Amino acid sequence: MAEEPLIALSALTWIGENLKRPECVLTTAKGEVFAGDHDAGIAEIGTPRRQLVGAPPGFLPNGVAMLPTREFLIANLGPGGGVWRLDRDWRLTPHLFEADNELLRVCNFVGIDAEGTEWISVSTRTYPRERSFRPQHADGFVVRRDRNGAHIVADGIGFTNECRVDPTGAWLYVIETCAKRLSRFAIRGDRLGQRETVHAFGAGEFPDGFAFDREGGVWVACVNANRLIRIETSGRRSLMLDGSLPELIAEGEAFFGADKGGRHHVELGARSPLKNIASVAFGGADLRTVYLGNLAGDKIACFRSPIAGAEPVQWRF
């Protein structure tokens, strides 16, 4: 029997306008909603777009993090990669480009934890990255950076996407998009334990971004399928929202299964009314408004959740 989503598509509203690839969304207790934006680096919803200064050719903002100074770190998925710092005058400067003599070339995501430690995902060592979009390809890694430097702490990952420390501080959760799973690693000081599989996703479900709720659940946005799936600590899954089109899932699975590389299976999701959802953020005064970043739209979908989100790190910055 097919899963029935708990939230109907008709419950969605949309915010923002003329956004360019609003992949990653950040919220604060002040009611602010920020999104990565191809033109502005970061766009704040409801305010005039700011002029980005110092962007390298092909700069492609992907994962973003807010610092206590209210500056931003931005993972550049474009040529050259690396993590960049965006100051309060909207000027970009280089922040981090290598760890343990490895270039952060296909840099997908950057986040910080409650201690201010940075966690950075590099999806693959293969360039261009599309060549790594294959079922058994696993050369991505995670970098941990603190005041003592930047080091690779997890390797051999099937296209590393978002990585976040859970609200307990005990685990680093990592999305493996091409391996189609949510994994986690126990945090042991400045090192990580062995990888554990939290959930393996199904046909057409390529996980991308995620957020934690107040009950310990993990909400995962899947590109191509355009599904939002909640994973409980027990491993039980609930389909929260479903914008999938069966013909696109079949086409995407066939293309991916052919093991030729290329991003066709990801781009298919742009045909969904959800515009290829790719990230999740909780916000609103009660942390019950869910915002969905996407790869192909110019607005952000949102809806009211029956479960409150966990406070994100930047919530009170």
C-alpha atoms as a PDB file:
ATOM      1  CA  MET A   1       0.000   0.000   0.000  1.00  0.00           C
ATOM      2  CA  ALA A   2       1.341   3.448  -0.939  1.00  0.00           C
ATOM      3  CA  GLU A   3       2.273   5.800   1.883  1.00  0.00           C
ATOM      4  CA  GLU A   4      -0.138   8.661   2.452  1.00  0.00           C
ATOM      5  CA  PRO A   5       1.501  12.008   3.271  1.00  0.00           C
ATOM      6  CA  LEU A   6       0.500  13.689   6.523  1.00  0.00           C
ATOM      7  CA  ILE A   7       0.606  17.175   4.967  1.00  0.00           C
ATOM      8  CA  ALA A   8      -1.368  17.940   1.796  1.00  0.00           C
ATOM      9  CA  LEU A   9       0.239  19.986  -0.981  1.00  0.00           C
ATOM     10  CA  SER A  10      -2.750  22.319  -0.715  1.00  0.00           C
ATOM     11  CA  ALA A  11      -1.514  23.331   2.770  1.00  0.00           C
ATOM     12  CA  LEU A  12       1.613  24.949   1.325  1.00  0.00           C
ATOM     13  CA  THR A  13       2.191  28.670   1.081  1.00  0.00           C
ATOM     14  CA  TRP A  14       5.129  30.350  -0.649  1.00  0.00           C
ATOM     15  CA  ILE A  15       7.390  33.201   0.445  1.00  0.00           C
ATOM     16  CA  GLY A  16      10.061  35.263  -1.293  1.00  0.00           C
ATOM     17  CA  GLU A  17      10.324  36.254  -4.923  1.00  0.00           C
ATOM     18  CA  ASN A  18      12.922  36.164  -7.676  1.00  0.00           C
ATOM     19  CA  LEU A  19      15.229  33.943  -5.630  1.00  0.00           C
ATOM     20  CA  LYS A  20      17.997  32.133  -7.475  1.00  0.00           C
ATOM     21  CA  ARG A  21      18.475  28.526  -6.366  1.00  0.00           C
ATOM     22  CA  PRO A  22      17.422  28.961  -2.709  1.00  0.00           C
ATOM     23  CA  GLU A  23      19.034  25.661  -1.691  1.00  0.00           C
ATOM     24  CA  CYS A  24      19.628  26.249   2.039  1.00  0.00           C
ATOM     25  CA  VAL A  25      17.349  28.103   4.496  1.00  0.00           C
ATOM     26  CA  LEU A  26      18.249  29.602   7.898  1.00  0.00           C
ATOM     27  CA  THR A  27      15.841  31.035  10.481  1.00  0.00           C
ATOM     28  CA  THR A  28      16.238  33.040  13.705  1.00  0.00           C
ATOM     29  CA  ALA A  29      14.088  33.843  16.727  1.00  0.00           C
ATOM     30  CA  LYS A  30      13.763  37.395  15.367  1.00  0.00           C
ATOM     31  CA  GLY A  31      11.566  36.021  12.598  1.00  0.00           C
ATOM     32  CA  GLU A  32      14.247  36.321   9.934  1.00  0.00           C
ATOM     33  CA  VAL A  33      14.386  33.836   7.069  1.00  0.00           C
ATOM     34  CA  PHE A  34      17.594  33.677   5.030  1.00  0.00           C
ATOM     35  CA  ALA A  35      18.303  31.560   1.963  1.00  0.00           C
ATOM     36  CA  GLY A  36      21.330  30.902  -0.163  1.00  0.00           C
ATOM     37  CA  ASP A  37      21.017  32.810  -3.421  1.00  0.00           C
ATOM     38  CA  HIS A  38      23.061  32.524  -6.609  1.00  0.00           C
ATOM     39  CA  ASP A  39      23.171  36.305  -7.158  1.00  0.00           C
ATOM     40  CA  ALA A  40      23.289  37.726  -3.629  1.00  0.00           C
ATOM     41  CA  GLY A  41      25.137  34.907  -1.846  1.00  0.00           C
ATOM     42  CA  ILE A  42      22.529  35.134   0.916  1.00  0.00           C
ATOM     43  CA  ALA A  43      19.052  36.643   0.528  1.00  0.00           C
ATOM     44  CA  GLU A  44      16.896  37.691   3.471  1.00  0.00           C
ATOM     45  CA  ILE A  45      13.240  37.101   2.658  1.00  0.00           C
ATOM     46  CA  GLY A  46      11.211  40.310   2.685  1.00  0.00           C
ATOM     47  CA  THR A  47      14.154  42.715   2.380  1.00  0.00           C
ATOM     48  CA  PRO A  48      15.871  44.201  -0.696  1.00  0.00           C
ATOM     49  CA  ARG A  49      18.501  41.998  -2.316  1.00  0.00           C
ATOM     50  CA  ARG A  50      22.038  43.085  -1.443  1.00  0.00           C
ATOM     51  CA  GLN A  51      24.935  43.402  -3.865  1.00  0.00           C
ATOM     52  CA  LEU A  52      27.509  40.647  -3.429  1.00  0.00           C
ATOM     53  CA  VAL A  53      31.132  41.863  -3.545  1.00  0.00           C
ATOM     54  CA  GLY A  54      34.162  39.704  -4.296  1.00  0.00           C
ATOM     55  CA  ALA A  55      32.496  36.573  -5.689  1.00  0.00           C
ATOM     56  CA  PRO A  56      34.814  34.344  -7.776  1.00  0.00           C
ATOM     57  CA  PRO A  57      33.747  33.299 -11.306  1.00  0.00           C
ATOM     58  CA  GLY A  58      30.973  30.717 -11.190  1.00  0.00           C
ATOM     59  CA  PHE A  59      30.341  31.186  -7.456  1.00  0.00           C
ATOM     60  CA  LEU A  60      27.488  28.827  -6.491  1.00  0.00           C
ATOM     61  CA  PRO A  61      26.264  29.220  -2.886  1.00  0.00           C
ATOM     62  CA  ASN A  62      25.075  25.898  -1.502  1.00  0.00           C
ATOM     63  CA  GLY A  63      25.112  25.198   2.245  1.00  0.00           C
ATOM     64  CA  VAL A  64      25.214  28.263   4.509  1.00  0.00           C
ATOM     65  CA  ALA A  65      25.784  28.884   8.219  1.00  0.00           C
ATOM     66  CA  MET A  66      25.342  31.978  10.383  1.00  0.00           C
ATOM     67  CA  LEU A  67      28.080  32.888  12.860  1.00  0.00           C
ATOM     68  CA  PRO A  68      27.526  34.570  16.270  1.00  0.00           C
ATOM     69  CA  THR A  69      28.791  37.795  14.634  1.00  0.00           C
ATOM     70  CA  ARG A  70      25.882  37.450  12.180  1.00  0.00           C
ATOM     71  CA  GLU A  71      28.334  36.987   9.363  1.00  0.00           C
ATOM     72  CA  PHE A  72      27.876  33.910   7.188  1.00  0.00           C
ATOM     73  CA  LEU A  73      29.913  30.972   5.979  1.00  0.00           C
ATOM     74  CA  ILE A  74      29.037  29.737   2.488  1.00  0.00           C
ATOM     75  CA  ALA A  75      30.006  26.450   0.831  1.00  0.00           C
ATOM     76  CA  ASN A  76      30.827  27.144  -2.815  1.00  0.00           C
ATOM     77  CA  LEU A  77      29.697  24.314  -5.074  1.00  0.00           C
ATOM     78  CA  GLY A  78      31.019  26.186  -8.098  1.00  0.00           C
ATOM     79  CA  PRO A  79      34.523  26.074  -9.645  1.00  0.00           C
ATOM     80  CA  GLY A  80      37.278  26.336  -7.050  1.00  0.00           C
ATOM     81  CA  GLY A  81      34.977  25.270  -4.218  1.00  0.00           C
ATOM     82  CA  GLY A  82      35.989  26.048  -0.675  1.00  0.00           C
ATOM     83  CA  VAL A  83      34.231  27.795   2.192  1.00  0.00           C
ATOM     84  CA  TRP A  84      33.834  31.563   1.959  1.00  0.00           C
ATOM     85  CA  ARG A  85      33.013  34.156   4.611  1.00  0.00           C
ATOM     86  CA  LEU A  86      30.379  36.821   3.943  1.00  0.00           C
ATOM     87  CA  ASP A  87      30.767  39.867   6.196  1.00  0.00           C
ATOM     88  CA  ARG A  88      28.086  42.339   7.202  1.00  0.00           C
ATOM     89  CA  ASP A  89      28.959  44.581   4.267  1.00  0.00           C
ATOM     90  CA  TRP A  90      28.225  41.641   1.931  1.00  0.00           C
ATOM     91  CA  ARG A  91      31.873  41.172   0.988  1.00  0.00           C
ATOM     92  CA  LEU A  92      33.142  37.650   0.327  1.00  0.00           C
ATOM     93  CA  THR A  93      36.581  36.544   1.500  1.00  0.00           C
ATOM     94  CA  PRO A  94      38.220  33.078   1.411  1.00  0.00           C
ATOM     95  CA  HIS A  95      37.768  31.086   4.631  1.00  0.00           C
ATOM     96  CA  LEU A  96      38.935  27.480   4.105  1.00  0.00           C
ATOM     97  CA  PHE A  97      40.133  25.638   1.006  1.00  0.00           C
ATOM     98  CA  GLU A  98      41.957  22.536   2.201  1.00  0.00           C
ATOM     99  CA  ALA A  99      42.254  20.049   5.035  1.00  0.00           C
ATOM    100  CA  ASP A 100      44.974  17.429   5.472  1.00  0.00           C
ATOM    101  CA  ASN A 101      46.351  18.440   2.055  1.00  0.00           C
ATOM    102  CA  GLU A 102      43.005  17.713   0.365  1.00  0.00           C
ATOM    103  CA  LEU A 103      41.340  20.489  -1.611  1.00  0.00           C
ATOM    104  CA  LEU A 104      37.714  21.231  -0.707  1.00  0.00           C
ATOM    105  CA  ARG A 105      36.851  21.391  -4.381  1.00  0.00           C
ATOM    106  CA  VAL A 106      33.290  20.062  -4.465  1.00  0.00           C
ATOM    107  CA  CYS A 107      32.268  21.812  -1.252  1.00  0.00           C
ATOM    108  CA  ASN A 108      28.606  21.181  -0.538  1.00  0.00           C
ATOM    109  CA  PHE A 109      27.743  22.275   3.003  1.00  0.00           C
ATOM    110  CA  VAL A 110      29.053  24.077   6.059  1.00  0.00           C
ATOM    111  CA  GLY A 111      27.436  24.169   9.480  1.00  0.00           C
ATOM    112  CA  ILE A 112      28.462  25.008  13.020  1.00  0.00           C
ATOM    113  CA  ASP A 113      27.595  23.305  16.282  1.00  0.00           C
ATOM    114  CA  ALA A 114      26.857  24.744  19.729  1.00  0.00           C
ATOM    115  CA  GLU A 115      30.593  24.918  20.493  1.00  0.00           C
ATOM    116  CA  GLY A 116      31.343  26.879  17.325  1.00  0.00           C
ATOM    117  CA  THR A 117      33.062  23.953  15.612  1.00  0.00           C
ATOM    118  CA  GLU A 118      32.609  23.946  11.847  1.00  0.00           C
ATOM    119  CA  TRP A 119      31.507  20.812   9.985  1.00  0.00           C
ATOM    120  CA  ILE A 120      32.069  20.856   6.234  1.00  0.00           C
ATOM    121  CA  SER A 121      30.979  18.352   3.622  1.00  0.00           C
ATOM    122  CA  VAL A 122      32.934  17.701   0.433  1.00  0.00           C
ATOM    123  CA  SER A 123      30.708  15.619  -1.804  1.00  0.00           C
ATOM    124  CA  THR A 124      33.386  13.965  -3.912  1.00  0.00           C
ATOM    125  CA  ARG A 125      37.018  14.151  -4.989  1.00  0.00           C
ATOM    126  CA  THR A 126      35.844  13.587  -8.576  1.00  0.00           C
ATOM    127  CA  TYR A 127      35.578  16.576 -10.883  1.00  0.00           C
ATOM    128  CA  PRO A 128      33.292  17.558 -12.406  1.00  0.00           C
ATOM    129  CA  ARG A 129      31.047  16.300  -9.636  1.00  0.00           C
ATOM    130  CA  GLU A 130      28.468  14.862 -12.051  1.00  0.00           C
ATOM    131  CA  ARG A 131      30.865  11.992 -12.781  1.00  0.00           C
ATOM    132  CA  SER A 132      30.403  10.791  -9.190  1.00  0.00           C
ATOM    133  CA  PHE A 133      26.595  10.465  -9.424  1.00  0.00           C
ATOM    134  CA  ARG A 134      26.777   6.678  -9.498  1.00  0.00           C
ATOM    135  CA  PRO A 135      25.405   3.990  -7.133  1.00  0.00           C
ATOM    136  CA  GLN A 136      28.709   2.624  -5.814  1.00  0.00           C
ATOM    137  CA  HIS A 137      30.826   5.770  -6.009  1.00  0.00           C
ATOM    138  CA  ALA A 138      31.893   6.845  -2.507  1.00  0.00           C
ATOM    139  CA  ASP A 139      34.805   9.274  -2.277  1.00  0.00           C
ATOM    140  CA  GLY A 140      33.197  12.112  -0.303  1.00  0.00           C
ATOM    141  CA  PHE A 141      34.382  13.252   3.116  1.00  0.00           C
ATOM    142  CA  VAL A 142      33.627  15.440   6.144  1.00  0.00           C
ATOM    143  CA  VAL A 143      35.969  18.058   7.595  1.00  0.00           C
ATOM    144  CA  ARG A 144      35.932  19.221  11.212  1.00  0.00           C
ATOM    145  CA  ARG A 145      37.448  22.663  11.866  1.00  0.00           C
ATOM    146  CA  ASP A 146      38.095  24.303  15.218  1.00  0.00           C
ATOM    147  CA  ARG A 147      40.772  26.595  16.638  1.00  0.00           C
ATOM    148  CA  ASN A 148      43.315  23.793  16.295  1.00  0.00           C
ATOM    149  CA  GLY A 149      42.844  23.415  12.553  1.00  0.00           C
ATOM    150  CA  ALA A 150      40.852  21.539   9.925  1.00  0.00           C
ATOM    151  CA  HIS A 151      40.979  17.760   9.568  1.00  0.00           C
ATOM    152  CA  ILE A 152      39.121  15.039   7.684  1.00  0.00           C
ATOM    153  CA  VAL A 153      37.123  13.023  10.208  1.00  0.00           C
ATOM    154  CA  ALA A 154      34.958  10.822   7.953  1.00  0.00           C
ATOM    155  CA  ASP A 155      35.737   9.477   4.490  1.00  0.00           C
ATOM    156  CA  GLY A 156      34.409   7.101   1.836  1.00  0.00           C
ATOM    157  CA  ILE A 157      30.961   8.696   1.783  1.00  0.00           C
ATOM    158  CA  GLY A 158      28.521   8.254  -1.110  1.00  0.00           C
ATOM    159  CA  PHE A 159      28.261  11.924  -2.133  1.00  0.00           C
ATOM    160  CA  THR A 160      28.378  13.864   1.136  1.00  0.00           C
ATOM    161  CA  ASN A 161      25.574  16.371   1.468  1.00  0.00           C
ATOM    162  CA  GLU A 162      24.334  18.145   4.598  1.00  0.00           C
ATOM    163  CA  CYS A 163      26.024  17.213   7.885  1.00  0.00           C
ATOM    164  CA  ARG A 164      24.814  18.443  11.266  1.00  0.00           C
ATOM    165  CA  VAL A 165      25.424  17.736  14.932  1.00  0.00           C
ATOM    166  CA  ASP A 166      22.210  16.609  16.624  1.00  0.00           C
ATOM    167  CA  PRO A 167      20.722  18.597  19.539  1.00  0.00           C
ATOM    168  CA  THR A 168      22.286  16.243  22.117  1.00  0.00           C
ATOM    169  CA  GLY A 169      25.773  16.968  20.773  1.00  0.00           C
ATOM    170  CA  ALA A 170      26.510  13.246  20.717  1.00  0.00           C
ATOM    171  CA  TRP A 171      26.119  12.491  17.021  1.00  0.00           C
ATOM    172  CA  LEU A 172      27.059  13.901  13.643  1.00  0.00           C
ATOM    173  CA  TYR A 173      24.333  13.082  11.130  1.00  0.00           C
ATOM    174  CA  VAL A 174      25.390  12.945   7.473  1.00  0.00           C
ATOM    175  CA  ILE A 175      23.389  12.666   4.269  1.00  0.00           C
ATOM    176  CA  GLU A 176      24.843  10.332   1.618  1.00  0.00           C
ATOM    177  CA  THR A 177      22.903  11.342  -1.483  1.00  0.00           C
ATOM    178  CA  CYS A 178      24.148   8.774  -3.989  1.00  0.00           C
ATOM    179  CA  ALA A 179      24.271   5.999  -1.393  1.00  0.00           C
ATOM    180  CA  LYS A 180      20.654   7.011  -0.613  1.00  0.00           C
ATOM    181  CA  ARG A 181      21.003   6.852   3.147  1.00  0.00           C
ATOM    182  CA  LEU A 182      21.067   8.912   6.322  1.00  0.00           C
ATOM    183  CA  SER A 183      24.111   8.000   8.393  1.00  0.00           C
ATOM    184  CA  ARG A 184      25.461   9.079  11.751  1.00  0.00           C
ATOM    185  CA  PHE A 185      28.773   9.008  13.581  1.00  0.00           C
ATOM    186  CA  ALA A 186      29.333   9.142  17.339  1.00  0.00           C
ATOM    187  CA  ILE A 187      31.323  12.256  18.285  1.00  0.00           C
ATOM    188  CA  ARG A 188      34.329  11.340  20.416  1.00  0.00           C
ATOM    189  CA  GLY A 189      36.192  14.531  21.137  1.00  0.00           C
ATOM    190  CA  ASP A 190      37.847  15.644  17.919  1.00  0.00           C
ATOM    191  CA  ARG A 191      37.236  12.267  16.271  1.00  0.00           C
ATOM    192  CA  LEU A 192      34.239  10.305  15.028  1.00  0.00           C
ATOM    193  CA  GLY A 193      33.182   6.722  15.596  1.00  0.00           C
ATOM    194  CA  GLN A 194      32.215   4.276  12.870  1.00  0.00           C
ATOM    195  CA  ARG A 195      29.405   5.055  10.456  1.00  0.00           C
ATOM    196  CA  GLU A 196      25.935   3.813  11.394  1.00  0.00           C
ATOM    197  CA  THR A 197      23.008   3.681   8.957  1.00  0.00           C
ATOM    198  CA  VAL A 198      19.960   5.476  10.351  1.00  0.00           C
ATOM    199  CA  HIS A 199      17.742   5.013   7.288  1.00  0.00           C
ATOM    200  CA  ALA A 200      18.051   3.672   3.727  1.00  0.00           C
ATOM    201  CA  PHE A 201      15.807   5.486   1.258  1.00  0.00           C
ATOM    202  CA  GLY A 202      13.693   3.992  -1.484  1.00  0.00           C
ATOM    203  CA  ALA A 203      13.207   4.359  -5.238  1.00  0.00           C
ATOM    204  CA  GLY A 204      13.774   7.883  -6.491  1.00  0.00           C
ATOM    205  CA  GLU A 205      14.503   9.181  -2.994  1.00  0.00           C
ATOM    206  CA  PHE A 206      17.855  10.959  -3.110  1.00  0.00           C
ATOM    207  CA  PRO A 207      18.270  12.615   0.311  1.00  0.00           C
ATOM    208  CA  ASP A 208      19.754  16.110   0.366  1.00  0.00           C
ATOM    209  CA  GLY A 209      19.086  18.372   3.382  1.00  0.00           C
ATOM    210  CA  PHE A 210      17.586  17.795   6.815  1.00  0.00           C
ATOM    211  CA  ALA A 211      16.605  19.278  10.168  1.00  0.00           C
ATOM    212  CA  PHE A 212      15.908  17.944  13.670  1.00  0.00           C
ATOM    213  CA  ASP A 213      12.608  18.277  15.477  1.00  0.00           C
ATOM    214  CA  ARG A 214      12.037  18.677  19.211  1.00  0.00           C
ATOM    215  CA  GLU A 215      11.177  14.985  19.636  1.00  0.00           C
ATOM    216  CA  GLY A 216      14.440  13.742  18.133  1.00  0.00           C
ATOM    217  CA  GLY A 217      13.083  13.102  14.658  1.00  0.00           C
ATOM    218  CA  VAL A 218      15.030  13.928  11.510  1.00  0.00           C
ATOM    219  CA  TRP A 219      13.151  15.558   8.617  1.00  0.00           C
ATOM    220  CA  VAL A 220      14.835  14.807   5.278  1.00  0.00           C
ATOM    221  CA  ALA A 221      14.154  16.474   1.918  1.00  0.00           C
ATOM    222  CA  CYS A 222      14.639  14.183  -1.074  1.00  0.00           C
ATOM    223  CA  VAL A 223      15.417  15.606  -4.512  1.00  0.00           C
ATOM    224  CA  ASN A 224      13.872  13.992  -7.589  1.00  0.00           C
ATOM    225  CA  ALA A 225      11.116  12.422  -5.470  1.00  0.00           C
ATOM    226  CA  ASN A 226      10.265  15.780  -3.867  1.00  0.00           C
ATOM    227  CA  ARG A 227       9.349  13.983  -0.671  1.00  0.00           C
ATOM    228  CA  LEU A 228       9.781  15.173   2.891  1.00  0.00           C
ATOM    229  CA  ILE A 229      10.347  12.184   5.168  1.00  0.00           C
ATOM    230  CA  ARG A 230      10.570  12.116   8.966  1.00  0.00           C
ATOM    231  CA  ILE A 231      12.812   9.485  10.528  1.00  0.00           C
ATOM    232  CA  GLU A 232      12.278   8.706  14.218  1.00  0.00           C
ATOM    233  CA  THR A 233      15.066   7.622  16.560  1.00  0.00           C
ATOM    234  CA  SER A 234      13.583   4.112  16.354  1.00  0.00           C
ATOM    235  CA  GLY A 235      14.108   4.147  12.587  1.00  0.00           C
ATOM    236  CA  ARG A 236      10.368   4.382  11.831  1.00  0.00           C
ATOM    237  CA  ARG A 237       9.611   6.577   8.858  1.00  0.00           C
ATOM    238  CA  SER A 238       6.677   8.885   8.139  1.00  0.00           C
ATOM    239  CA  LEU A 239       5.942  10.550   4.810  1.00  0.00           C
ATOM    240  CA  MET A 240       5.219  14.164   5.720  1.00  0.00           C
ATOM    241  CA  LEU A 241       4.850  15.698   2.253  1.00  0.00           C
ATOM    242  CA  ASP A 242       4.832  14.173  -1.222  1.00  0.00           C
ATOM    243  CA  GLY A 243       5.316  16.079  -4.461  1.00  0.00           C
ATOM    244  CA  SER A 244       6.509  13.042  -6.411  1.00  0.00           C
ATOM    245  CA  LEU A 245       5.554  12.194  -9.973  1.00  0.00           C
ATOM    246  CA  PRO A 246       5.728   8.406 -10.583  1.00  0.00           C
ATOM    247  CA  GLU A 247       7.037   8.718 -14.126  1.00  0.00           C
ATOM    248  CA  LEU A 248       9.931  10.899 -12.949  1.00  0.00           C
ATOM    249  CA  ILE A 249      10.874   8.472 -10.198  1.00  0.00           C
ATOM    250  CA  ALA A 250      10.954   5.610 -12.707  1.00  0.00           C
ATOM    251  CA  GLU A 251      13.002   7.631 -15.186  1.00  0.00           C
ATOM    252  CA  GLY A 252      15.410   8.804 -12.498  1.00  0.00           C
ATOM    253  CA  GLU A 253      15.962   5.321 -11.110  1.00  0.00           C
ATOM    254  CA  ALA A 254      16.614   3.922 -14.579  1.00  0.00           C
ATOM    255  CA  PHE A 255      19.150   6.645 -15.360  1.00  0.00           C
ATOM    256  CA  PHE A 256      20.929   6.324 -12.002  1.00  0.00           C
ATOM    257  CA  GLY A 257      20.934   2.540 -12.189  1.00  0.00           C
ATOM    258  CA  ALA A 258      22.637   2.662 -15.598  1.00  0.00           C
ATOM    259  CA  ASP A 259      25.772   3.753 -13.693  1.00  0.00           C
ATOM    260  CA  LYS A 260      26.927   6.253 -16.312  1.00  0.00           C
ATOM    261  CA  GLY A 261      27.230   9.320 -14.096  1.00  0.00           C
ATOM    262  CA  GLY A 262      25.499  12.632 -14.798  1.00  0.00           C
ATOM    263  CA  ARG A 263      22.826  14.573 -12.929  1.00  0.00           C
ATOM    264  CA  HIS A 264      19.734  13.838 -15.025  1.00  0.00           C
ATOM    265  CA  HIS A 265      18.087  11.930 -12.163  1.00  0.00           C
ATOM    266  CA  VAL A 266      18.445  14.998  -9.923  1.00  0.00           C
ATOM    267  CA  GLU A 267      17.293  17.558 -12.482  1.00  0.00           C
ATOM    268  CA  LEU A 268      14.086  15.617 -13.134  1.00  0.00           C
ATOM    269  CA  GLY A 269      12.671  16.807  -9.809  1.00  0.00           C
ATOM    270  CA  ALA A 270      12.445  20.357 -11.132  1.00  0.00           C
ATOM    271  CA  ARG A 271       9.235  19.306 -12.907  1.00  0.00           C
ATOM    272  CA  SER A 272       7.479  18.749  -9.583  1.00  0.00           C
ATOM    273  CA  PRO A 273       5.344  21.573  -8.171  1.00  0.00           C
ATOM    274  CA  LEU A 274       7.772  21.562  -5.213  1.00  0.00           C
ATOM    275  CA  LYS A 275      10.631  22.535  -7.591  1.00  0.00           C
ATOM    276  CA  ASN A 276      13.100  19.945  -6.278  1.00  0.00           C
ATOM    277  CA  ILE A 277      13.081  20.444  -2.517  1.00  0.00           C
ATOM    278  CA  ALA A 278      16.572  20.168  -1.083  1.00  0.00           C
ATOM    279  CA  SER A 279      16.616  21.486   2.489  1.00  0.00           C
ATOM    280  CA  VAL A 280      14.477  21.813   5.605  1.00  0.00           C
ATOM    281  CA  ALA A 281      14.350  24.493   8.300  1.00  0.00           C
ATOM    282  CA  PHE A 282      12.017  25.067  11.240  1.00  0.00           C
ATOM    283  CA  GLY A 283      11.081  28.644  12.138  1.00  0.00           C
ATOM    284  CA  GLY A 284       8.287  30.902  13.258  1.00  0.00           C
ATOM    285  CA  ALA A 285       7.808  32.044  16.843  1.00  0.00           C
ATOM    286  CA  ASP A 286       6.960  28.501  17.960  1.00  0.00           C
ATOM    287  CA  LEU A 287       9.339  26.666  15.596  1.00  0.00           C
ATOM    288  CA  ARG A 288       6.361  24.981  13.938  1.00  0.00           C
ATOM    289  CA  THR A 289       6.694  26.577  10.508  1.00  0.00           C
ATOM    290  CA  VAL A 290       8.649  24.412   8.087  1.00  0.00           C
ATOM    291  CA  TYR A 291      10.565  26.041   5.237  1.00  0.00           C
ATOM    292  CA  LEU A 292      11.744  24.017   2.239  1.00  0.00           C
ATOM    293  CA  GLY A 293      14.709  25.189   0.188  1.00  0.00           C
ATOM    294  CA  ASN A 294      14.773  24.073  -3.427  1.00  0.00           C
ATOM    295  CA  LEU A 295      17.012  23.823  -6.483  1.00  0.00           C
ATOM    296  CA  ALA A 296      14.738  25.036  -9.250  1.00  0.00           C
ATOM    297  CA  GLY A 297      12.247  27.570  -7.890  1.00  0.00           C
ATOM    298  CA  ASP A 298      12.266  31.287  -7.156  1.00  0.00           C
ATOM    299  CA  LYS A 299      10.244  31.035  -3.928  1.00  0.00           C
ATOM    300  CA  ILE A 300      10.323  28.922  -0.748  1.00  0.00           C
ATOM    301  CA  ALA A 301       7.505  26.576   0.236  1.00  0.00           C
ATOM    302  CA  CYS A 302       6.337  26.545   3.842  1.00  0.00           C
ATOM    303  CA  PHE A 303       3.653  24.943   6.010  1.00  0.00           C
ATOM    304  CA  ARG A 304       2.667  24.503   9.637  1.00  0.00           C
ATOM    305  CA  SER A 305       4.008  21.402  11.371  1.00  0.00           C
ATOM    306  CA  PRO A 306       2.328  19.251  14.024  1.00  0.00           C
ATOM    307  CA  ILE A 307       5.752  18.906  15.699  1.00  0.00           C
ATOM    308  CA  ALA A 308       8.014  21.778  16.718  1.00  0.00           C
ATOM    309  CA  GLY A 309      11.555  21.883  15.466  1.00  0.00           C
ATOM    310  CA  ALA A 310      14.647  21.807  17.632  1.00  0.00           C
ATOM    311  CA  GLU A 311      16.258  25.236  18.000  1.00  0.00           C
ATOM    312  CA  PRO A 312      18.887  25.626  15.267  1.00  0.00           C
ATOM    313  CA  VAL A 313      22.313  26.798  16.391  1.00  0.00           C
ATOM    314  CA  GLN A 314      21.845  30.337  15.046  1.00  0.00           C
ATOM    315  CA  TRP A 315      18.357  30.736  16.522  1.00  0.00           C
ATOM    316  CA  ARG A 316      19.384  33.315  19.161  1.00  0.00           C
ATOM    317  CA  PHE A 317      22.265  35.013  17.312  1.00  0.00           C
END
